[in-house]
Amino acid sequence: MQKNFNTAAFKEKLEAGTEFPALYMFKFIVPNGKEQEVEAIFPNHEVIKKPSSGGRYISTTIQVMVESADQIIAYYEQASSIEGLLSL
């Protein structure tokens, strides 16, 4: 995750506002060509892809049934290794 990201506060917010198990929506924007790296993190889930108007970026949306805030954070940590990734 981002260097200045407060994981503990994010986890607290997730646990306060989410009843687990829950369907969680991940949204990432990646440079064109990097969408396969997002798909690799979510191999058994549909990844909806939409190119930006200029074609330089791809918006990805994935819905995942998660069991805990820790599972959500683990997905974000895996995704953070993708160069140029923006999490929404």
Protein backbone atom coordinates (compact mmCIF):
# COMPACT_ATOMS: atom_id res chain seq x y z
CA MET A 1 0.00 0.00 0.00
CA GLN A 2 1.07 3.64 -0.22
CA LYS A 3 3.87 4.66 2.12
CA ASN A 4 1.76 7.19 4.03
CA PHE A 5 -1.35 5.01 4.10
CA ASN A 6 -2.75 4.35 7.59
CA THR A 7 -3.70 0.67 7.39
CA ALA A 8 -4.97 0.52 10.98
CA ALA A 9 -7.38 3.43 10.42
CA PHE A 10 -8.58 1.92 7.13
CA LYS A 11 -9.19 -1.44 8.84
CA GLU A 12 -11.10 0.27 11.65
CA LYS A 13 -13.28 2.11 9.11
CA LEU A 14 -13.97 -1.10 7.18
CA GLU A 15 -14.93 -2.99 10.33
CA ALA A 16 -17.18 -0.18 11.56
CA GLY A 17 -19.05 0.20 8.29
CA THR A 18 -19.15 -3.32 6.88
CA GLU A 19 -20.86 -6.49 8.00
CA PHE A 20 -18.74 -9.47 6.97
CA PRO A 21 -18.92 -11.54 4.86
CA ALA A 22 -19.58 -8.80 2.30
CA LEU A 23 -19.43 -8.11 -1.40
CA TYR A 24 -16.62 -5.56 -1.82
CA MET A 25 -15.90 -3.58 -4.96
CA PHE A 26 -12.28 -2.92 -5.88
CA LYS A 27 -11.56 -0.21 -8.45
CA PHE A 28 -8.12 0.38 -9.89
CA ILE A 29 -6.77 2.51 -12.72
CA VAL A 30 -3.64 1.16 -14.35
CA PRO A 31 -1.54 2.11 -17.37
CA ASN A 32 -2.67 0.33 -20.55
CA GLY A 33 -1.03 -3.11 -20.61
CA LYS A 34 -0.97 -3.53 -16.83
CA GLU A 35 -4.57 -4.78 -16.54
CA GLN A 36 -3.32 -8.39 -16.71
CA GLU A 37 -1.49 -7.80 -13.44
CA VAL A 38 -4.79 -6.81 -11.80
CA GLU A 39 -6.47 -9.89 -13.29
CA ALA A 40 -3.71 -12.08 -11.81
CA ILE A 41 -4.62 -10.89 -8.29
CA PHE A 42 -8.28 -11.86 -8.85
CA PRO A 43 -8.00 -15.06 -10.95
CA ASN A 44 -11.49 -16.42 -10.22
CA HIS A 45 -13.36 -13.13 -10.53
CA GLU A 46 -14.68 -11.11 -13.43
CA VAL A 47 -12.57 -8.01 -14.06
CA ILE A 48 -14.57 -5.33 -15.86
CA LYS A 49 -12.22 -3.17 -17.93
CA LYS A 50 -12.85 0.23 -19.46
CA PRO A 51 -10.20 2.19 -21.38
CA SER A 52 -9.74 5.90 -20.74
CA SER A 53 -10.74 8.33 -23.48
CA GLY A 54 -7.09 8.75 -24.50
CA GLY A 55 -6.39 5.02 -24.28
CA ARG A 56 -3.41 5.41 -21.95
CA TYR A 57 -5.16 3.95 -18.90
CA ILE A 58 -7.56 1.13 -18.10
CA SER A 59 -10.14 1.32 -15.33
CA THR A 60 -10.74 -2.05 -13.69
CA THR A 61 -13.62 -3.03 -11.41
CA ILE A 62 -13.79 -6.31 -9.50
CA GLN A 63 -16.44 -7.47 -7.03
CA VAL A 64 -15.26 -10.00 -4.46
CA MET A 65 -17.03 -11.71 -1.56
CA VAL A 66 -14.68 -11.06 1.37
CA GLU A 67 -14.66 -12.53 4.85
CA SER A 68 -12.83 -9.75 6.71
CA ALA A 69 -11.20 -6.34 6.57
CA ASP A 70 -7.84 -8.11 6.62
CA GLN A 71 -8.73 -9.86 3.35
CA ILE A 72 -9.55 -6.51 1.71
CA ILE A 73 -6.26 -5.04 2.91
CA ALA A 74 -4.37 -8.09 1.61
CA TYR A 75 -5.82 -7.54 -1.89
CA TYR A 76 -4.80 -3.87 -1.78
CA GLU A 77 -1.30 -4.81 -0.64
CA GLN A 78 -0.93 -7.22 -3.57
CA ALA A 79 -2.18 -4.60 -6.01
CA SER A 80 0.18 -1.95 -4.64
CA SER A 81 3.11 -3.68 -6.35
CA ILE A 82 1.67 -2.86 -9.81
CA GLU A 83 3.64 0.01 -11.30
CA GLY A 84 1.49 3.07 -12.00
CA LEU A 85 -1.59 1.73 -10.18
CA LEU A 86 -4.16 4.11 -8.69
CA SER A 87 -6.63 2.71 -6.13
CA LEU A 88 -10.08 4.25 -5.87
